[in-house]
């Protein structure tokens, strides 16, 4: 999935507005905190899109989704960027599996607990987003947190 520069700018501008100050609904009994950074929110948006497509053919994917860097069904697969069902994550635990606006791995709640059967491997799309958007997001973050011009 190739995102045009216009789409990336639109996502960067509107994603924070769409999620700012709210909780994203997951399972009926869970409320999931919003993304740890604007960049990670964009990654979560890709996962929501991937789950929405998968939901059309498999009802197990008709739930909320977030991006996490972790293992898949088999730990031997190694860590990679994947889209995980919010139903299967442990939101009482934190793990270094999210990114800040400069693309650095940081701790966030919603840890993969053991193995996750309800996930999609969208590694290419998520890594492409990181590669294309992270430099600009980091400059924006640095500018607004340090007051630099």
Protein backbone atom coordinates (compact mmCIF):
# COMPACT_ATOMS: atom_id res chain seq x y z
CA UNK A 1 0.00 0.00 0.00
CA UNK A 2 1.69 3.19 -1.22
CA UNK A 3 0.54 6.35 0.53
CA UNK A 4 0.79 9.58 -1.43
CA UNK A 5 2.41 12.57 0.28
CA UNK A 6 -0.99 14.28 0.34
CA UNK A 7 -2.57 11.32 2.16
CA UNK A 8 0.25 11.26 4.68
CA UNK A 9 -0.13 14.96 5.41
CA UNK A 10 -3.91 14.57 5.74
CA UNK A 11 -3.45 11.65 8.14
CA UNK A 12 -0.93 13.61 10.18
CA UNK A 13 -3.26 16.58 10.43
CA UNK A 14 -6.55 14.83 11.09
CA UNK A 15 -5.61 11.73 13.12
CA UNK A 16 -4.76 13.71 16.27
CA UNK A 17 -8.04 15.61 16.00
CA UNK A 18 -10.00 12.39 15.57
CA UNK A 19 -8.51 10.73 18.66
CA UNK A 20 -7.47 13.65 20.88
CA UNK A 21 -8.68 13.18 24.43
CA UNK A 22 -10.87 10.17 23.76
CA UNK A 23 -10.62 6.46 24.32
CA UNK A 24 -10.76 4.13 21.37
CA UNK A 25 -13.29 1.33 21.89
CA UNK A 26 -12.01 -2.21 21.72
CA UNK A 27 -13.95 -5.16 23.05
CA UNK A 28 -17.26 -4.41 24.73
CA UNK A 29 -15.61 -4.66 28.15
CA UNK A 30 -12.37 -2.82 27.36
CA UNK A 31 -11.38 0.75 26.77
CA UNK A 32 -8.07 1.29 25.08
CA UNK A 33 -5.96 4.41 25.76
CA UNK A 34 -5.14 6.52 22.72
CA UNK A 35 -1.80 6.18 20.94
CA UNK A 36 1.38 7.27 22.71
CA UNK A 37 2.34 9.63 19.85
CA UNK A 38 0.91 11.10 16.68
CA UNK A 39 3.18 8.83 14.63
CA UNK A 40 1.98 5.75 16.47
CA UNK A 41 -1.61 6.93 15.99
CA UNK A 42 -1.01 6.87 12.23
CA UNK A 43 0.30 3.31 12.55
CA UNK A 44 -2.80 2.35 14.53
CA UNK A 45 -4.91 3.84 11.71
CA UNK A 46 -3.30 1.46 9.22
CA UNK A 47 -4.16 -1.44 11.53
CA UNK A 48 -7.77 -0.33 11.85
CA UNK A 49 -7.98 -0.26 8.04
CA UNK A 50 -6.39 -3.71 7.77
CA UNK A 51 -8.81 -5.16 10.34
CA UNK A 52 -11.78 -3.51 8.61
CA UNK A 53 -10.82 -5.23 5.34
CA UNK A 54 -10.31 -8.58 7.09
CA UNK A 55 -13.62 -8.19 8.94
CA UNK A 56 -15.45 -8.53 5.63
CA UNK A 57 -14.33 -12.16 5.37
CA UNK A 58 -13.59 -13.17 8.98
CA UNK A 59 -15.69 -11.96 11.94
CA UNK A 60 -12.77 -12.46 14.34
CA UNK A 61 -11.29 -9.26 12.90
CA UNK A 62 -14.43 -7.18 13.55
CA UNK A 63 -12.77 -5.58 16.60
CA UNK A 64 -10.44 -2.71 17.35
CA UNK A 65 -6.81 -2.93 16.27
CA UNK A 66 -3.51 -1.32 17.21
CA UNK A 67 0.06 -1.52 15.93
CA UNK A 68 2.66 -3.19 18.13
CA UNK A 69 6.19 -4.46 17.53
CA UNK A 70 6.06 -7.97 18.93
CA UNK A 71 5.95 -11.67 18.09
CA UNK A 72 3.16 -13.36 16.17
CA UNK A 73 1.58 -16.77 16.69
CA UNK A 74 4.95 -18.42 17.19
CA UNK A 75 7.68 -16.59 19.09
CA UNK A 76 10.13 -18.10 16.60
CA UNK A 77 8.73 -15.64 14.03
CA UNK A 78 10.56 -12.90 15.92
CA UNK A 79 9.46 -9.38 16.61
CA UNK A 80 8.00 -7.36 13.75
CA UNK A 81 5.40 -4.65 13.27
CA UNK A 82 1.98 -6.27 13.35
CA UNK A 83 -1.63 -5.27 13.84
CA UNK A 84 -3.10 -6.81 16.98
CA UNK A 85 -6.68 -7.24 18.09
CA UNK A 86 -7.42 -5.01 21.07
CA UNK A 87 -9.34 -7.94 22.55
CA UNK A 88 -6.16 -9.99 23.01
CA UNK A 89 -3.86 -7.33 24.46
CA UNK A 90 -3.20 -6.88 28.16
CA UNK A 91 -3.92 -3.21 28.91
CA UNK A 92 -2.78 -3.58 32.50
CA UNK A 93 0.78 -4.24 31.29
CA UNK A 94 3.25 -2.07 29.41
CA UNK A 95 5.92 -3.18 26.99
CA UNK A 96 8.44 -1.50 24.67
CA UNK A 97 6.39 -2.02 21.51
CA UNK A 98 5.24 1.46 20.39
CA UNK A 99 7.06 4.46 18.90
CA UNK A 100 7.37 8.11 19.80
CA UNK A 101 7.21 10.79 17.10
CA UNK A 102 10.91 10.29 16.35
CA UNK A 103 10.40 6.57 15.65
CA UNK A 104 12.13 5.35 18.81
CA UNK A 105 10.65 2.30 20.54
CA UNK A 106 8.93 3.26 23.80
CA UNK A 107 6.85 1.52 26.45
CA UNK A 108 3.10 1.60 26.01
CA UNK A 109 0.16 -0.16 27.61
CA UNK A 110 -1.46 -2.96 25.69
CA UNK A 111 1.19 -5.66 25.78
CA UNK A 112 0.99 -8.83 23.74
CA UNK A 113 0.48 -11.47 26.41
CA UNK A 114 2.15 -14.64 25.21
CA UNK A 115 0.96 -15.32 21.70
CA UNK A 116 -1.72 -13.58 19.71
CA UNK A 117 -3.89 -15.55 17.34
CA UNK A 118 -5.86 -12.51 16.21
CA UNK A 119 -3.29 -10.36 14.49
CA UNK A 120 -2.39 -9.37 10.96
CA UNK A 121 1.16 -9.01 9.77
CA UNK A 122 1.20 -5.60 8.07
CA UNK A 123 4.94 -5.20 8.52
CA UNK A 124 5.59 -3.74 5.07
CA UNK A 125 2.89 -1.08 5.35
CA UNK A 126 3.85 -0.11 8.90
CA UNK A 127 7.59 0.04 8.14
CA UNK A 128 6.91 2.08 4.99
CA UNK A 129 4.88 4.57 7.03
CA UNK A 130 7.70 4.83 9.57
CA UNK A 131 10.26 5.37 6.82
CA UNK A 132 8.22 7.99 4.94
CA UNK A 133 6.67 9.97 7.80
CA UNK A 134 9.00 9.63 10.80
CA UNK A 135 11.58 12.27 9.71
CA UNK A 136 8.92 14.96 9.37
CA UNK A 137 7.03 13.90 12.49
CA UNK A 138 10.24 14.06 14.50
CA UNK A 139 11.00 17.58 13.23
CA UNK A 140 7.46 18.68 14.16
CA UNK A 141 7.81 17.06 17.60
CA UNK A 142 11.19 18.67 18.27
CA UNK A 143 9.99 22.06 17.07
CA UNK A 144 6.93 22.10 19.31
CA UNK A 145 8.53 20.56 22.39
CA UNK A 146 11.70 22.66 22.39
CA UNK A 147 10.29 25.88 20.95
CA UNK A 148 12.85 25.76 18.12
CA UNK A 149 11.99 27.49 14.87
